[in-house]
Amino acid sequence: MIMSPLMPNTELDTVLHVVVGIITDATGRVLISQRLPNSHEAGKWEFPGGKIEKGETAAEALNREMLEELGIHVRESSPWFRVSHSYPSKQVCLDIWRVFSYEGVVVGMEGQPIQWALRDELSHYKFPDANQPIIRALALPPLYAISAIGHLGINTFLKRLEQALEAGLRLVQLREPQLTPQEYSDAAKQVNELCRRYQAKLLLNADISLLSQVPADGVHLTSKRLAECKILPADRNYLVAASCHDENELAKAEELGVDFVVLSPVLPTQSHPGAKNLGWDAFQALCQYSALPVFALGGMMTGHIKTAQARGAQGIAMIGGLWGAEFPGGVVRRIVSESRY
């Protein structure tokens, strides 16, 4: 049973339900702690947290664990996503929360070593297997940009893309259904060259097989391709994302094991006037039951980044709100600066 963060834990002992707190400092480093001798997987590093007791909500457990382990009082936090993992001896469910603010000074209250680690250096530490999805999620930025070559033309788009990349954009989806296969391939090579220059990742909105022909960092599956997909690329160095609109599509994305999803439409959009949108309450409810990082798409503007993350999102995905600006670099800088982790 996957429970709401506001519901008390009533799970059977066959599943160890754990709350995990993701805490970052002003520079974006992440707090990790080392497991003590005589503990399960002693010596490995982990994100702080602990078992949710029966009758205790995840939020209550987070507050208690952060006080007991680190000596801090959580002031503001939000559920992020969940991870289920089976070890030979037990099954665990990690209820992952982001801690936005707290009172006190972080100290290893139980004598455990603690450290602030750079996100791109987390792979240098040995973590339990159940923590690997968290590490991958921490590598994701707060903004996912979806291309607009059809609207701007290739030359204007490439110019604005470079402005955005210079400002800190690090994740791009090439979505151009109007292009012929050859035109799409040519555009992908130009976009990929720019992304490589700025160490940004490019995902192709195309069939997975195209990765063998066109250079990119992964693929983005439409809801149709998601429904038809049976297995992901064997090379998991590729990122795989998917478009979702409801619980069933989120469940399929989780079953496949994609890296993150885009959930839409959250708010009304100019491209689909009158279309039914989720609204923030329904979006948050879906995020709370997601086992994957979620980007909010649909009507997103720069000022929505804090709202989206407070509702459980990884960040926001943008098309018109980004490329419609004469200087998209300013949009990117504001989103990056206002991101809450």
Protein backbone atom coordinates (compact mmCIF):
# COMPACT_ATOMS: atom_id res chain seq x y z
CA MET A 1 0.00 0.00 0.00
CA ILE A 2 1.29 3.45 -0.93
CA MET A 3 -0.10 5.94 1.50
CA SER A 4 -0.63 9.68 1.43
CA PRO A 5 1.99 11.75 3.29
CA LEU A 6 -0.87 12.97 5.51
CA MET A 7 -2.04 9.48 6.44
CA PRO A 8 -0.57 7.53 9.37
CA ASN A 9 1.51 4.49 8.56
CA THR A 10 -0.46 1.25 8.96
CA GLU A 11 1.72 -0.99 6.76
CA LEU A 12 2.64 -4.50 7.75
CA ASP A 13 6.18 -5.23 8.87
CA THR A 14 6.94 -7.02 5.58
CA VAL A 15 7.70 -3.60 4.06
CA LEU A 16 10.09 -1.21 5.79
CA HIS A 17 8.63 2.24 5.20
CA VAL A 18 11.31 4.93 5.53
CA VAL A 19 11.21 8.71 5.28
CA VAL A 20 14.21 10.41 3.65
CA GLY A 21 15.10 14.10 3.91
CA ILE A 22 16.93 15.86 1.06
CA ILE A 23 18.68 18.91 2.49
CA THR A 24 20.76 21.33 0.42
CA ASP A 25 22.86 24.34 1.36
CA ALA A 26 23.05 27.75 -0.31
CA THR A 27 25.52 26.44 -2.90
CA GLY A 28 23.35 23.46 -3.86
CA ARG A 29 25.41 20.83 -2.07
CA VAL A 30 23.47 17.89 -0.60
CA LEU A 31 23.73 16.59 2.94
CA ILE A 32 24.70 12.93 3.25
CA SER A 33 25.59 10.79 6.26
CA GLN A 34 27.55 7.58 6.70
CA ARG A 35 26.04 4.45 8.17
CA LEU A 36 27.47 3.40 11.51
CA PRO A 37 29.27 0.10 12.16
CA ASN A 38 26.97 -2.86 12.88
CA SER A 39 24.15 -1.29 10.85
CA HIS A 40 22.73 -2.68 7.59
CA GLU A 41 25.26 -1.90 4.80
CA ALA A 42 27.57 -0.27 7.33
CA GLY A 43 30.00 2.29 5.97
CA LYS A 44 27.87 3.27 3.00
CA TRP A 45 26.59 6.80 2.60
CA GLU A 46 22.92 7.70 2.59
CA PHE A 47 20.50 10.60 2.75
CA PRO A 48 19.33 11.19 6.35
CA GLY A 49 16.07 9.67 7.51
CA GLY A 50 14.60 6.64 9.21
CA LYS A 51 11.68 4.30 9.73
CA ILE A 52 8.14 5.67 9.82
CA GLU A 53 6.52 4.27 12.94
CA LYS A 54 3.00 2.83 12.89
CA GLY A 55 0.43 5.54 13.43
CA GLU A 56 2.89 8.21 12.32
CA THR A 57 2.56 10.28 9.12
CA ALA A 58 5.54 10.72 6.82
CA ALA A 59 5.65 14.42 7.69
CA GLU A 60 5.72 13.63 11.41
CA ALA A 61 8.44 11.03 10.88
CA LEU A 62 10.51 13.49 8.85
CA ASN A 63 10.36 16.09 11.64
CA ARG A 64 11.25 13.53 14.30
CA GLU A 65 14.09 11.92 12.32
CA MET A 66 15.71 15.23 11.38
CA LEU A 67 15.68 16.27 15.05
CA GLU A 68 17.00 12.92 16.33
CA GLU A 69 19.65 12.46 13.63
CA LEU A 70 20.72 16.02 12.86
CA GLY A 71 19.46 18.23 15.69
CA ILE A 72 17.37 20.46 13.43
CA HIS A 73 13.71 21.46 13.39
CA VAL A 74 12.12 21.29 9.94
CA ARG A 75 10.29 24.53 9.12
CA GLU A 76 9.22 23.91 5.51
CA SER A 77 9.24 20.71 3.48
CA SER A 78 7.43 18.96 0.65
CA PRO A 79 7.03 15.34 -0.49
CA TRP A 80 9.02 14.63 -3.66
CA PHE A 81 8.63 11.04 -4.92
CA ARG A 82 8.81 7.46 -3.67
CA VAL A 83 11.17 4.56 -4.29
CA SER A 84 10.40 0.88 -3.72
CA HIS A 85 13.34 -1.53 -3.63
CA SER A 86 13.71 -5.21 -2.78
CA TYR A 87 16.80 -6.43 -0.96
CA PRO A 88 17.39 -10.19 -0.44
CA SER A 89 16.26 -9.89 3.19
CA LYS A 90 13.61 -7.17 3.02
CA GLN A 91 11.59 -4.73 0.93
CA VAL A 92 11.85 -0.99 1.53
CA CYS A 93 9.70 1.95 0.50
CA LEU A 94 11.49 5.30 0.64
CA ASP A 95 9.21 8.31 1.08
CA ILE A 96 11.47 11.12 -0.13
CA TRP A 97 10.97 14.70 1.04
CA ARG A 98 12.77 17.92 0.22
CA VAL A 99 13.55 20.11 3.22
CA PHE A 100 13.40 23.74 2.11
CA SER A 101 14.19 25.40 5.45
CA TYR A 102 15.02 24.40 9.02
CA GLU A 103 16.13 25.81 12.37
CA GLY A 104 19.35 24.81 14.08
CA VAL A 105 22.82 23.66 13.07
CA VAL A 106 23.27 20.28 11.36
CA VAL A 107 25.19 17.87 13.61
CA GLY A 108 25.58 14.08 13.51
CA MET A 109 23.60 13.52 16.72
CA GLU A 110 24.20 9.75 16.71
CA GLY A 111 27.93 10.05 16.05
CA GLN A 112 27.50 9.40 12.33
CA PRO A 113 29.86 11.24 9.93
CA ILE A 114 28.04 13.84 7.84
CA GLN A 115 29.16 15.68 4.73
CA TRP A 116 27.92 18.26 2.22
CA ALA A 117 28.50 16.76 -1.24
CA LEU A 118 28.32 18.27 -4.71
CA ARG A 119 25.58 16.67 -6.79
CA ASP A 120 27.88 15.67 -9.62
CA GLU A 121 30.18 13.98 -7.12
CA LEU A 122 27.55 11.76 -5.48
CA SER A 123 28.54 8.91 -7.80
CA HIS A 124 31.95 8.87 -6.06
CA TYR A 125 30.32 7.66 -2.83
CA LYS A 126 29.02 4.17 -2.14
CA PHE A 127 25.24 4.31 -1.52
CA PRO A 128 22.70 1.52 -0.90
CA ASP A 129 21.00 0.43 -4.13
CA ALA A 130 17.68 1.92 -3.01
CA ASN A 131 19.28 5.39 -3.05
CA GLN A 132 20.29 5.31 -6.72
CA PRO A 133 17.00 6.80 -8.06
CA ILE A 134 17.47 9.74 -5.66
CA ILE A 135 20.97 10.37 -6.99
CA ARG A 136 19.66 10.36 -10.57
CA ALA A 137 16.85 12.74 -9.63
CA LEU A 138 19.27 15.13 -7.92
CA ALA A 139 21.16 15.40 -11.21
CA LEU A 140 18.05 16.79 -12.92
CA PRO A 141 17.74 20.59 -13.20
CA PRO A 142 14.60 22.61 -12.32
CA LEU A 143 13.85 23.53 -15.96
CA TYR A 144 13.08 21.22 -18.90
CA ALA A 145 12.96 23.19 -22.17
CA ILE A 146 10.92 21.91 -25.12
CA SER A 147 12.02 23.15 -28.53
CA ALA A 148 10.09 25.53 -30.81
CA ILE A 149 11.76 25.31 -34.22
CA GLY A 150 8.38 25.09 -35.96
CA HIS A 151 7.38 28.43 -34.48
CA LEU A 152 10.69 30.32 -34.60
CA GLY A 153 12.57 28.74 -37.49
CA ILE A 154 15.88 26.92 -37.04
CA ASN A 155 18.16 29.98 -37.08
CA THR A 156 16.22 32.03 -34.53
CA PHE A 157 15.71 28.99 -32.34
CA LEU A 158 19.42 28.14 -32.29
CA LYS A 159 20.24 31.74 -31.35
CA ARG A 160 17.75 31.73 -28.46
CA LEU A 161 18.83 28.27 -27.40
CA GLU A 162 22.41 29.44 -27.03
CA GLN A 163 21.24 32.38 -24.93
CA ALA A 164 19.35 29.98 -22.68
CA LEU A 165 22.30 27.59 -22.43
CA GLU A 166 24.65 30.43 -21.51
CA ALA A 167 22.22 31.35 -18.71
CA GLY A 168 22.19 27.82 -17.26
CA LEU A 169 19.68 25.71 -19.21
CA ARG A 170 20.81 22.09 -18.92
CA LEU A 171 17.96 19.89 -20.20
CA VAL A 172 16.37 20.16 -23.65
CA GLN A 173 13.77 18.13 -25.54
CA LEU A 174 13.71 18.29 -29.34
CA ARG A 175 10.01 18.05 -30.14
CA GLU A 176 9.36 18.91 -33.80
CA PRO A 177 6.62 16.66 -35.25
CA GLN A 178 6.30 18.86 -38.35
CA LEU A 179 9.83 18.08 -39.55
CA THR A 180 10.63 15.30 -41.99
CA PRO A 181 12.94 12.54 -40.67
CA GLN A 182 15.91 14.10 -42.49
CA GLU A 183 15.08 17.60 -41.27
CA TYR A 184 14.70 16.30 -37.72
CA SER A 185 18.05 14.50 -37.92
CA ASP A 186 19.79 17.63 -39.22
CA ALA A 187 18.21 19.78 -36.50
CA ALA A 188 19.16 17.26 -33.81
CA LYS A 189 22.81 17.39 -34.84
CA GLN A 190 22.87 21.21 -34.61
CA VAL A 191 21.02 21.29 -31.29
CA ASN A 192 23.19 18.51 -29.87
CA GLU A 193 26.36 20.39 -30.84
CA LEU A 194 25.18 23.44 -28.92
CA CYS A 195 24.10 21.38 -25.90
CA ARG A 196 27.45 19.59 -25.77
CA ARG A 197 29.24 22.94 -25.72
CA TYR A 198 27.42 23.87 -22.52
CA GLN A 199 27.30 20.37 -20.96
CA ALA A 200 23.52 20.25 -21.33
CA LYS A 201 21.56 17.10 -22.12
CA LEU A 202 19.42 16.64 -25.22
CA LEU A 203 16.47 14.24 -25.39
CA LEU A 204 14.92 13.30 -28.72
CA ASN A 205 11.13 13.19 -28.94
CA ALA A 206 11.31 10.18 -31.22
CA ASP A 207 11.42 6.41 -31.31
CA ILE A 208 14.12 4.91 -29.07
CA SER A 209 15.77 3.33 -32.13
CA LEU A 210 16.79 6.80 -33.36
CA LEU A 211 19.45 6.95 -30.63
CA SER A 212 21.60 4.62 -32.75
CA GLN A 213 21.54 7.12 -35.62
CA VAL A 214 21.39 10.60 -34.09
CA PRO A 215 23.65 11.84 -31.25
CA ALA A 216 21.71 12.65 -28.09
CA ASP A 217 21.57 11.90 -24.36
CA GLY A 218 18.26 10.07 -24.41
CA VAL A 219 14.66 10.08 -25.58
CA HIS A 220 11.34 11.53 -24.53
CA LEU A 221 8.38 9.19 -25.04
CA THR A 222 5.03 10.62 -26.04
CA SER A 223 2.07 9.07 -24.23
CA LYS A 224 1.45 6.94 -27.34
CA ARG A 225 5.04 5.66 -27.43
CA LEU A 226 4.90 5.11 -23.68
CA ALA A 227 1.84 2.88 -24.08
CA GLU A 228 3.56 0.88 -26.83
CA CYS A 229 7.01 0.65 -25.20
CA LYS A 230 7.95 -2.77 -23.80
CA ILE A 231 11.55 -2.27 -22.71
CA LEU A 232 14.02 0.60 -22.28
CA PRO A 233 17.48 0.81 -23.90
CA ALA A 234 19.96 -1.61 -22.39
CA ASP A 235 22.42 1.28 -22.04
CA ARG A 236 21.08 3.08 -18.96
CA ASN A 237 23.52 5.92 -19.51
CA TYR A 238 20.70 7.23 -21.70
CA LEU A 239 17.98 9.31 -20.05
CA VAL A 240 14.40 8.30 -20.78
CA ALA A 241 11.49 10.61 -20.04
CA ALA A 242 7.77 10.28 -20.77
CA SER A 243 4.67 12.42 -21.18
CA CYS A 244 1.87 11.55 -18.75
CA HIS A 245 -1.61 12.89 -18.12
CA ASP A 246 -3.13 10.56 -15.52
CA GLU A 247 -2.50 7.80 -12.96
CA ASN A 248 -2.47 5.01 -15.55
CA GLU A 249 0.26 6.64 -17.62
CA LEU A 250 2.28 7.41 -14.49
CA ALA A 251 2.00 3.74 -13.50
CA LYS A 252 3.21 2.62 -16.94
CA ALA A 253 6.17 5.00 -16.78
CA GLU A 254 7.06 3.64 -13.34
CA GLU A 255 6.73 0.05 -14.56
CA LEU A 256 9.15 0.76 -17.43
CA GLY A 257 11.58 2.52 -15.13
CA VAL A 258 11.92 5.83 -16.96
CA ASP A 259 14.04 8.53 -15.32
CA PHE A 260 11.39 11.25 -15.05
CA VAL A 261 8.01 12.29 -16.41
CA VAL A 262 6.24 15.41 -17.60
CA LEU A 263 2.70 15.77 -16.27
CA SER A 264 0.28 17.99 -18.20
CA PRO A 265 -1.62 20.15 -18.74
CA VAL A 266 -1.44 21.80 -15.35
CA LEU A 267 -2.83 25.22 -16.33
CA PRO A 268 -4.64 26.59 -19.41
CA THR A 269 -2.43 27.09 -22.46
CA GLN A 270 -2.65 29.34 -25.51
CA SER A 271 -1.97 26.38 -27.80
CA HIS A 272 -4.97 24.42 -26.43
CA PRO A 273 -7.60 26.98 -25.36
CA GLY A 274 -10.58 25.43 -23.61
CA ALA A 275 -8.81 22.11 -23.01
CA LYS A 276 -9.33 20.52 -19.60
CA ASN A 277 -6.38 21.08 -17.28
CA LEU A 278 -5.37 19.40 -14.04
CA GLY A 279 -5.00 22.43 -11.80
CA TRP A 280 -2.49 22.52 -8.97
CA ASP A 281 -4.48 20.36 -6.52
CA ALA A 282 -4.83 17.41 -8.90
CA PHE A 283 -1.23 17.85 -10.00
CA GLN A 284 -0.05 17.65 -6.40
CA ALA A 285 -2.16 14.56 -5.73
CA LEU A 286 -0.59 12.78 -8.70
CA CYS A 287 2.91 13.84 -7.64
CA GLN A 288 2.36 12.39 -4.17
CA TYR A 289 1.68 8.97 -5.62
CA SER A 290 4.44 9.12 -8.24
CA ALA A 291 7.54 7.00 -7.91
CA LEU A 292 9.33 9.29 -10.38
CA PRO A 293 10.44 12.93 -10.51
CA VAL A 294 7.74 15.04 -12.19
CA PHE A 295 7.99 18.21 -14.28
CA ALA A 296 4.89 20.40 -14.53
CA LEU A 297 3.90 21.38 -18.08
CA GLY A 298 1.10 23.56 -19.41
CA GLY A 299 0.81 27.30 -18.91
CA MET A 300 4.08 27.47 -16.98
CA MET A 301 5.73 30.87 -16.47
CA THR A 302 8.83 31.87 -14.52
CA GLY A 303 6.86 32.64 -11.37
CA HIS A 304 5.51 29.08 -11.18
CA ILE A 305 8.77 27.36 -10.20
CA LYS A 306 8.30 27.78 -6.43
CA THR A 307 4.65 26.75 -6.61
CA ALA A 308 5.45 23.65 -8.66
CA GLN A 309 8.22 22.52 -6.32
CA ALA A 310 6.07 23.17 -3.25
CA ARG A 311 3.46 20.90 -4.87
CA GLY A 312 6.00 18.09 -5.27
CA ALA A 313 7.43 18.77 -8.72
CA GLN A 314 11.04 18.39 -9.76
CA GLY A 315 10.57 21.61 -11.70
CA ILE A 316 8.73 23.01 -14.70
CA ALA A 317 8.76 22.29 -18.43
CA MET A 318 8.30 25.20 -20.80
CA ILE A 319 7.75 25.99 -24.47
CA GLY A 320 6.03 29.32 -25.14
CA GLY A 321 6.88 30.82 -21.77
CA LEU A 322 10.57 30.34 -22.56
CA TRP A 323 11.05 30.79 -26.30
CA GLY A 324 8.41 33.51 -26.53
CA ALA A 325 10.74 35.80 -24.62
CA GLU A 326 13.04 37.91 -26.79
CA PHE A 327 15.87 36.99 -24.41
CA PRO A 328 15.21 33.53 -22.92
CA GLY A 329 18.41 33.73 -20.90
CA GLY A 330 16.64 36.03 -18.45
CA VAL A 331 13.84 33.49 -18.00
CA VAL A 332 16.34 30.71 -17.33
CA ARG A 333 18.31 32.75 -14.79
CA ARG A 334 15.17 33.61 -12.84
CA ILE A 335 13.98 30.01 -12.70
CA VAL A 336 17.40 28.71 -11.65
CA SER A 337 17.75 31.41 -8.98
CA GLU A 338 14.24 30.83 -7.60
CA SER A 339 14.46 27.04 -7.60
CA ARG A 340 14.14 25.88 -4.01
CA TYR A 341 16.82 23.22 -3.91
